[in-house]
Amino acid sequence: MSNFQSALIRASAFEQCDRLASVKAFCDSHLAEKITLKTVADIACLEYTYFSSYFHNTVGVRFGDWLRYQRVLRAQSVIRGSTMPLSKLAKQCGFNNLRTFQRAFRRVTGMTPRQFRREVRLGFAAYNAPLPGFSLPESPADSL
């Protein structure tokens, strides 16, 4: 299990911080849409340049990397439960086009969406692939 997945099992920074909990809830419900740093900074009631460093210092990864990971996790879930064409799935998970989706998916999982779908069909992809280098701090800041 990766550091990122281990950290998610512990109490996460999102649960311990109302600002980040609001951001996560927004992102979860708007994952298919364009989500900007300014939008989530406004939700957290912070100036966007400060939010960027706050998020990185609290969560341990940049917001864009975290958002990409969330979108790939959603894509993995959809791939497991449907035969939807990958181009449509990419849009549904918030990627601008199939190429961007494939690049992000490979960066996160180490395989293409098509390879992942094949492994799911063969029964090999039983878990969400980890994102190397992601970890959450042991005791994140509670609030500002």
N, C-alpha and C. Protein backbone atom coordinates (compact mmCIF):
# COMPACT_ATOMS: atom_id res chain seq x y z
N MET A 1 0.85 -1.18 0.00
CA MET A 1 0.00 0.00 0.00
C MET A 1 0.90 1.25 0.00
N SER A 2 0.54 2.23 -0.80
CA SER A 2 1.36 3.44 -0.91
C SER A 2 1.20 4.34 0.30
N ASN A 3 2.13 5.28 0.44
CA ASN A 3 2.02 6.28 1.51
C ASN A 3 0.72 7.04 1.39
N PHE A 4 0.31 7.34 0.16
CA PHE A 4 -0.92 8.11 -0.05
C PHE A 4 -2.12 7.32 0.44
N GLN A 5 -2.22 6.06 0.06
CA GLN A 5 -3.35 5.26 0.49
C GLN A 5 -3.33 5.04 2.00
N SER A 6 -2.15 4.85 2.58
CA SER A 6 -2.05 4.71 4.04
C SER A 6 -2.53 5.96 4.73
N ALA A 7 -2.15 7.09 4.17
CA ALA A 7 -2.54 8.37 4.78
C ALA A 7 -4.04 8.57 4.71
N LEU A 8 -4.67 8.08 3.66
CA LEU A 8 -6.12 8.23 3.53
C LEU A 8 -6.86 7.39 4.56
N ILE A 9 -6.26 6.29 4.98
CA ILE A 9 -6.89 5.46 6.00
C ILE A 9 -6.88 6.17 7.34
N ARG A 10 -5.78 6.90 7.64
CA ARG A 10 -5.73 7.70 8.86
C ARG A 10 -6.72 8.85 8.73
N ALA A 11 -6.94 9.56 9.83
CA ALA A 11 -7.76 10.78 9.77
C ALA A 11 -7.06 11.73 8.81
N SER A 12 -7.76 12.15 7.77
CA SER A 12 -7.11 12.95 6.74
C SER A 12 -7.17 14.43 7.06
N ALA A 13 -6.33 15.17 6.36
CA ALA A 13 -6.29 16.63 6.50
C ALA A 13 -7.64 17.22 6.15
N PHE A 14 -8.36 16.60 5.24
CA PHE A 14 -9.65 17.13 4.81
C PHE A 14 -10.70 17.04 5.92
N GLU A 15 -10.63 15.98 6.71
CA GLU A 15 -11.58 15.82 7.80
C GLU A 15 -11.23 16.71 8.98
N GLN A 16 -9.96 17.04 9.13
CA GLN A 16 -9.52 17.82 10.28
C GLN A 16 -9.57 19.32 10.03
N CYS A 17 -9.82 19.72 8.82
CA CYS A 17 -9.81 21.14 8.49
C CYS A 17 -11.07 21.48 7.70
N ASP A 18 -11.91 22.34 8.26
CA ASP A 18 -13.17 22.70 7.60
C ASP A 18 -12.94 23.31 6.22
N ARG A 19 -11.88 24.11 6.08
CA ARG A 19 -11.61 24.74 4.79
C ARG A 19 -11.37 23.67 3.72
N LEU A 20 -10.56 22.70 4.05
CA LEU A 20 -10.25 21.66 3.07
C LEU A 20 -11.41 20.68 2.89
N ALA A 21 -12.19 20.47 3.93
CA ALA A 21 -13.36 19.61 3.80
C ALA A 21 -14.35 20.21 2.80
N SER A 22 -14.52 21.52 2.85
CA SER A 22 -15.41 22.19 1.89
C SER A 22 -14.87 22.08 0.47
N VAL A 23 -13.57 22.23 0.33
CA VAL A 23 -12.94 22.11 -0.99
C VAL A 23 -13.12 20.70 -1.53
N LYS A 24 -12.88 19.69 -0.69
CA LYS A 24 -13.02 18.30 -1.13
C LYS A 24 -14.46 18.00 -1.53
N ALA A 25 -15.41 18.46 -0.74
CA ALA A 25 -16.82 18.22 -1.06
C ALA A 25 -17.19 18.85 -2.40
N PHE A 26 -16.71 20.08 -2.62
CA PHE A 26 -16.97 20.75 -3.90
C PHE A 26 -16.36 19.95 -5.05
N CYS A 27 -15.12 19.57 -4.90
CA CYS A 27 -14.43 18.84 -5.97
C CYS A 27 -15.10 17.50 -6.25
N ASP A 28 -15.51 16.80 -5.20
CA ASP A 28 -16.17 15.51 -5.38
C ASP A 28 -17.46 15.66 -6.20
N SER A 29 -18.19 16.74 -5.97
CA SER A 29 -19.47 16.90 -6.67
C SER A 29 -19.35 17.63 -8.01
N HIS A 30 -18.18 18.18 -8.31
CA HIS A 30 -17.99 18.90 -9.57
C HIS A 30 -16.79 18.37 -10.36
N LEU A 31 -16.43 17.12 -10.15
CA LEU A 31 -15.22 16.56 -10.75
C LEU A 31 -15.24 16.61 -12.28
N ALA A 32 -16.41 16.52 -12.88
CA ALA A 32 -16.50 16.53 -14.35
C ALA A 32 -16.33 17.93 -14.93
N GLU A 33 -16.39 18.95 -14.09
CA GLU A 33 -16.31 20.33 -14.55
C GLU A 33 -14.88 20.85 -14.43
N LYS A 34 -14.66 22.00 -15.05
CA LYS A 34 -13.36 22.66 -14.89
C LYS A 34 -13.31 23.24 -13.48
N ILE A 35 -12.29 22.88 -12.73
CA ILE A 35 -12.11 23.37 -11.36
C ILE A 35 -10.80 24.14 -11.32
N THR A 36 -10.90 25.42 -11.01
CA THR A 36 -9.70 26.25 -10.97
C THR A 36 -9.24 26.46 -9.53
N LEU A 37 -7.99 26.80 -9.40
CA LEU A 37 -7.43 27.12 -8.09
C LEU A 37 -8.17 28.29 -7.47
N LYS A 38 -8.54 29.27 -8.28
CA LYS A 38 -9.27 30.43 -7.78
C LYS A 38 -10.63 30.01 -7.22
N THR A 39 -11.32 29.13 -7.91
CA THR A 39 -12.63 28.66 -7.44
C THR A 39 -12.53 28.00 -6.07
N VAL A 40 -11.58 27.09 -5.92
CA VAL A 40 -11.47 26.39 -4.64
C VAL A 40 -10.91 27.30 -3.55
N ALA A 41 -10.08 28.26 -3.93
CA ALA A 41 -9.58 29.23 -2.95
C ALA A 41 -10.74 30.06 -2.42
N ASP A 42 -11.65 30.45 -3.30
CA ASP A 42 -12.84 31.20 -2.87
C ASP A 42 -13.69 30.36 -1.91
N ILE A 43 -13.83 29.08 -2.19
CA ILE A 43 -14.59 28.19 -1.31
C ILE A 43 -13.93 28.11 0.06
N ALA A 44 -12.61 28.10 0.08
CA ALA A 44 -11.86 28.04 1.34
C ALA A 44 -11.73 29.41 2.00
N CYS A 45 -12.25 30.45 1.34
CA CYS A 45 -12.16 31.83 1.84
C CYS A 45 -10.71 32.27 2.01
N LEU A 46 -9.90 31.93 1.01
CA LEU A 46 -8.49 32.32 1.02
C LEU A 46 -8.12 32.91 -0.33
N GLU A 47 -7.11 33.76 -0.34
CA GLU A 47 -6.58 34.29 -1.59
C GLU A 47 -5.91 33.13 -2.32
N TYR A 48 -6.04 33.06 -3.65
CA TYR A 48 -5.65 31.84 -4.35
C TYR A 48 -4.15 31.52 -4.25
N THR A 49 -3.27 32.51 -4.22
CA THR A 49 -1.85 32.18 -4.09
C THR A 49 -1.54 31.62 -2.70
N TYR A 50 -2.22 32.14 -1.69
CA TYR A 50 -2.03 31.60 -0.35
C TYR A 50 -2.63 30.20 -0.25
N PHE A 51 -3.81 30.02 -0.86
CA PHE A 51 -4.45 28.71 -0.82
C PHE A 51 -3.53 27.64 -1.41
N SER A 52 -2.87 27.97 -2.49
CA SER A 52 -1.98 27.02 -3.15
C SER A 52 -0.91 26.52 -2.18
N SER A 53 -0.25 27.42 -1.48
CA SER A 53 0.79 26.98 -0.54
C SER A 53 0.17 26.33 0.69
N TYR A 54 -0.98 26.83 1.14
CA TYR A 54 -1.67 26.24 2.29
C TYR A 54 -2.04 24.78 1.99
N PHE A 55 -2.62 24.55 0.82
CA PHE A 55 -3.01 23.19 0.44
C PHE A 55 -1.78 22.29 0.39
N HIS A 56 -0.74 22.76 -0.25
CA HIS A 56 0.48 21.96 -0.39
C HIS A 56 1.10 21.66 0.97
N ASN A 57 1.17 22.64 1.84
CA ASN A 57 1.76 22.43 3.16
C ASN A 57 0.90 21.53 4.04
N THR A 58 -0.41 21.60 3.89
CA THR A 58 -1.31 20.82 4.73
C THR A 58 -1.48 19.39 4.22
N VAL A 59 -1.67 19.25 2.93
CA VAL A 59 -1.96 17.94 2.35
C VAL A 59 -0.68 17.21 1.93
N GLY A 60 0.33 17.97 1.53
CA GLY A 60 1.59 17.35 1.15
C GLY A 60 1.79 17.23 -0.35
N VAL A 61 0.80 17.64 -1.13
CA VAL A 61 0.90 17.63 -2.59
C VAL A 61 0.25 18.90 -3.13
N ARG A 62 0.61 19.23 -4.36
CA ARG A 62 -0.02 20.40 -4.98
C ARG A 62 -1.47 20.09 -5.31
N PHE A 63 -2.30 21.13 -5.31
CA PHE A 63 -3.72 20.95 -5.57
C PHE A 63 -3.97 20.28 -6.91
N GLY A 64 -3.29 20.72 -7.96
CA GLY A 64 -3.50 20.15 -9.29
C GLY A 64 -3.18 18.66 -9.34
N ASP A 65 -2.14 18.25 -8.65
CA ASP A 65 -1.79 16.82 -8.60
C ASP A 65 -2.86 16.03 -7.85
N TRP A 66 -3.33 16.60 -6.75
CA TRP A 66 -4.38 15.94 -5.97
C TRP A 66 -5.66 15.81 -6.80
N LEU A 67 -6.04 16.87 -7.50
CA LEU A 67 -7.25 16.85 -8.32
C LEU A 67 -7.12 15.82 -9.44
N ARG A 68 -5.97 15.76 -10.07
CA ARG A 68 -5.73 14.77 -11.13
C ARG A 68 -5.90 13.36 -10.55
N TYR A 69 -5.34 13.12 -9.37
CA TYR A 69 -5.46 11.82 -8.74
C TYR A 69 -6.93 11.48 -8.46
N GLN A 70 -7.69 12.45 -7.96
CA GLN A 70 -9.11 12.21 -7.68
C GLN A 70 -9.86 11.85 -8.96
N ARG A 71 -9.54 12.53 -10.05
CA ARG A 71 -10.20 12.25 -11.32
C ARG A 71 -9.84 10.86 -11.84
N VAL A 72 -8.60 10.45 -11.67
CA VAL A 72 -8.19 9.11 -12.09
C VAL A 72 -8.87 8.05 -11.22
N LEU A 73 -8.98 8.30 -9.92
CA LEU A 73 -9.71 7.36 -9.06
C LEU A 73 -11.14 7.19 -9.53
N ARG A 74 -11.79 8.31 -9.87
CA ARG A 74 -13.16 8.25 -10.39
C ARG A 74 -13.18 7.44 -11.69
N ALA A 75 -12.22 7.68 -12.56
CA ALA A 75 -12.16 6.95 -13.83
C ALA A 75 -11.99 5.46 -13.58
N GLN A 76 -11.13 5.09 -12.63
CA GLN A 76 -10.95 3.67 -12.32
C GLN A 76 -12.28 3.04 -11.88
N SER A 77 -13.01 3.77 -11.08
CA SER A 77 -14.30 3.28 -10.61
C SER A 77 -15.29 3.10 -11.76
N VAL A 78 -15.34 4.07 -12.65
CA VAL A 78 -16.24 3.99 -13.80
C VAL A 78 -15.83 2.85 -14.73
N ILE A 79 -14.54 2.70 -14.96
CA ILE A 79 -14.05 1.63 -15.82
C ILE A 79 -14.47 0.27 -15.27
N ARG A 80 -14.41 0.11 -13.96
CA ARG A 80 -14.79 -1.17 -13.34
C ARG A 80 -16.26 -1.49 -13.59
N GLY A 81 -17.11 -0.46 -13.62
CA GLY A 81 -18.55 -0.71 -13.67
C GLY A 81 -19.22 -0.43 -15.00
N SER A 82 -18.46 -0.13 -16.05
CA SER A 82 -19.13 0.16 -17.32
C SER A 82 -18.24 -0.16 -18.51
N THR A 83 -18.87 -0.14 -19.67
CA THR A 83 -18.15 -0.32 -20.92
C THR A 83 -18.16 0.99 -21.71
N MET A 84 -18.35 2.08 -21.01
CA MET A 84 -18.40 3.40 -21.64
C MET A 84 -17.13 3.64 -22.46
N PRO A 85 -17.26 4.22 -23.65
CA PRO A 85 -16.07 4.55 -24.43
C PRO A 85 -15.14 5.47 -23.63
N LEU A 86 -13.84 5.26 -23.79
CA LEU A 86 -12.87 6.02 -23.00
C LEU A 86 -12.95 7.52 -23.26
N SER A 87 -13.29 7.93 -24.48
CA SER A 87 -13.39 9.37 -24.76
C SER A 87 -14.53 10.00 -23.97
N LYS A 88 -15.64 9.29 -23.84
CA LYS A 88 -16.78 9.79 -23.05
C LYS A 88 -16.44 9.76 -21.56
N LEU A 89 -15.79 8.70 -21.13
CA LEU A 89 -15.37 8.58 -19.74
C LEU A 89 -14.42 9.71 -19.35
N ALA A 90 -13.51 10.06 -20.26
CA ALA A 90 -12.56 11.14 -19.99
C ALA A 90 -13.31 12.44 -19.69
N LYS A 91 -14.30 12.77 -20.51
CA LYS A 91 -15.09 13.99 -20.29
C LYS A 91 -15.85 13.92 -18.97
N GLN A 92 -16.44 12.76 -18.68
CA GLN A 92 -17.22 12.58 -17.46
C GLN A 92 -16.35 12.73 -16.21
N CYS A 93 -15.07 12.46 -16.33
CA CYS A 93 -14.17 12.56 -15.19
C CYS A 93 -13.39 13.88 -15.16
N GLY A 94 -13.73 14.81 -16.05
CA GLY A 94 -13.16 16.15 -15.99
C GLY A 94 -11.93 16.40 -16.84
N PHE A 95 -11.62 15.50 -17.74
CA PHE A 95 -10.47 15.70 -18.62
C PHE A 95 -10.93 16.34 -19.92
N ASN A 96 -10.12 17.25 -20.46
CA ASN A 96 -10.49 17.98 -21.67
C ASN A 96 -10.59 17.09 -22.90
N ASN A 97 -9.74 16.10 -22.98
CA ASN A 97 -9.74 15.22 -24.15
C ASN A 97 -9.13 13.87 -23.78
N LEU A 98 -9.22 12.95 -24.70
CA LEU A 98 -8.75 11.59 -24.44
C LEU A 98 -7.24 11.54 -24.20
N ARG A 99 -6.49 12.32 -24.94
CA ARG A 99 -5.02 12.31 -24.78
C ARG A 99 -4.61 12.77 -23.38
N THR A 100 -5.21 13.85 -22.91
CA THR A 100 -4.91 14.35 -21.56
C THR A 100 -5.28 13.29 -20.52
N PHE A 101 -6.43 12.66 -20.71
CA PHE A 101 -6.88 11.61 -19.80
C PHE A 101 -5.89 10.45 -19.78
N GLN A 102 -5.47 9.99 -20.95
CA GLN A 102 -4.55 8.86 -21.02
C GLN A 102 -3.22 9.19 -20.35
N ARG A 103 -2.74 10.40 -20.58
CA ARG A 103 -1.46 10.82 -19.98
C ARG A 103 -1.58 10.86 -18.46
N ALA A 104 -2.66 11.45 -17.95
CA ALA A 104 -2.86 11.54 -16.50
C ALA A 104 -3.03 10.15 -15.89
N PHE A 105 -3.82 9.32 -16.54
CA PHE A 105 -4.07 7.97 -16.04
C PHE A 105 -2.77 7.18 -15.95
N ARG A 106 -1.97 7.28 -16.99
CA ARG A 106 -0.68 6.56 -16.99
C ARG A 106 0.24 7.10 -15.92
N ARG A 107 0.26 8.43 -15.74
CA ARG A 107 1.12 9.03 -14.73
C ARG A 107 0.74 8.54 -13.33
N VAL A 108 -0.54 8.38 -13.09
CA VAL A 108 -1.01 7.96 -11.76
C VAL A 108 -0.89 6.46 -11.56
N THR A 109 -1.28 5.68 -12.56
CA THR A 109 -1.38 4.23 -12.36
C THR A 109 -0.25 3.42 -12.95
N GLY A 110 0.49 4.02 -13.88
CA GLY A 110 1.55 3.27 -14.55
C GLY A 110 1.06 2.48 -15.74
N MET A 111 -0.21 2.63 -16.09
CA MET A 111 -0.76 1.94 -17.26
C MET A 111 -1.80 2.83 -17.92
N THR A 112 -2.15 2.52 -19.14
CA THR A 112 -3.16 3.30 -19.84
C THR A 112 -4.55 2.87 -19.37
N PRO A 113 -5.57 3.69 -19.62
CA PRO A 113 -6.93 3.28 -19.27
C PRO A 113 -7.34 1.98 -19.97
N ARG A 114 -6.91 1.82 -21.20
CA ARG A 114 -7.23 0.59 -21.95
C ARG A 114 -6.59 -0.63 -21.28
N GLN A 115 -5.34 -0.49 -20.85
CA GLN A 115 -4.67 -1.60 -20.16
C GLN A 115 -5.38 -1.90 -18.84
N PHE A 116 -5.78 -0.84 -18.13
CA PHE A 116 -6.49 -1.02 -16.86
C PHE A 116 -7.81 -1.76 -17.10
N ARG A 117 -8.54 -1.36 -18.12
CA ARG A 117 -9.82 -2.01 -18.44
C ARG A 117 -9.58 -3.49 -18.75
N ARG A 118 -8.53 -3.79 -19.49
CA ARG A 118 -8.21 -5.17 -19.81
C ARG A 118 -7.92 -5.96 -18.53
N GLU A 119 -7.14 -5.36 -17.62
CA GLU A 119 -6.83 -6.05 -16.36
C GLU A 119 -8.07 -6.26 -15.51
N VAL A 120 -8.98 -5.29 -15.53
CA VAL A 120 -10.24 -5.45 -14.80
C VAL A 120 -11.01 -6.64 -15.36
N ARG A 121 -11.10 -6.72 -16.67
CA ARG A 121 -11.82 -7.83 -17.31
C ARG A 121 -11.19 -9.18 -16.97
N LEU A 122 -9.86 -9.19 -16.85
CA LEU A 122 -9.16 -10.44 -16.53
C LEU A 122 -9.10 -10.71 -15.03
N GLY A 123 -9.57 -9.75 -14.24
CA GLY A 123 -9.60 -9.93 -12.79
C GLY A 123 -8.32 -9.56 -12.07
N PHE A 124 -7.41 -8.83 -12.73
CA PHE A 124 -6.13 -8.48 -12.12
C PHE A 124 -6.14 -7.14 -11.40
N ALA A 125 -7.00 -6.22 -11.78
CA ALA A 125 -6.99 -4.86 -11.21
C ALA A 125 -7.99 -4.79 -10.06
N ALA A 126 -7.59 -5.31 -8.92
CA ALA A 126 -8.49 -5.39 -7.78
C ALA A 126 -8.43 -4.18 -6.87
N TYR A 127 -7.54 -3.25 -7.14
CA TYR A 127 -7.38 -2.10 -6.27
C TYR A 127 -7.09 -0.86 -7.10
N ASN A 128 -7.23 0.29 -6.48
CA ASN A 128 -6.86 1.53 -7.15
C ASN A 128 -5.36 1.69 -7.06
N ALA A 129 -4.73 1.93 -8.18
CA ALA A 129 -3.28 2.05 -8.22
C ALA A 129 -2.82 3.27 -7.44
N PRO A 130 -1.73 3.15 -6.71
CA PRO A 130 -1.23 4.25 -5.90
C PRO A 130 -0.56 5.33 -6.74
N LEU A 131 -0.47 6.50 -6.20
CA LEU A 131 0.26 7.58 -6.83
C LEU A 131 1.55 7.75 -6.05
N PRO A 132 2.69 7.40 -6.64
CA PRO A 132 3.97 7.51 -5.93
C PRO A 132 4.23 8.93 -5.45
N GLY A 133 4.77 9.02 -4.25
CA GLY A 133 5.16 10.32 -3.72
C GLY A 133 4.08 11.07 -2.98
N PHE A 134 2.86 10.55 -2.96
CA PHE A 134 1.79 11.24 -2.25
C PHE A 134 1.78 10.77 -0.80
N SER A 135 1.72 11.69 0.11
CA SER A 135 1.53 11.35 1.51
C SER A 135 0.90 12.54 2.22
N LEU A 136 0.16 12.24 3.23
CA LEU A 136 -0.46 13.29 4.03
C LEU A 136 0.30 13.40 5.34
N PRO A 137 0.41 14.59 5.90
CA PRO A 137 1.14 14.76 7.15
C PRO A 137 0.42 14.06 8.30
N GLU A 138 1.18 13.71 9.33
CA GLU A 138 0.59 13.06 10.50
C GLU A 138 -0.39 13.96 11.23
N SER A 139 -0.04 15.22 11.40
CA SER A 139 -0.93 16.14 12.12
C SER A 139 -1.03 17.46 11.37
N PRO A 140 -1.98 17.55 10.43
CA PRO A 140 -2.13 18.76 9.64
C PRO A 140 -2.67 19.91 10.48
N ALA A 141 -2.46 21.11 9.99
CA ALA A 141 -2.98 22.30 10.67
C ALA A 141 -4.50 22.21 10.70
N ASP A 142 -5.09 22.52 11.84
CA ASP A 142 -6.54 22.44 11.96
C ASP A 142 -7.25 23.56 11.23
N SER A 143 -6.76 24.73 11.32
CA SER A 143 -7.38 25.86 10.63
C SER A 143 -6.42 27.02 10.64
N LEU A 144 -6.82 28.07 9.97
CA LEU A 144 -5.98 29.28 9.94
C LEU A 144 -6.37 30.24 11.01
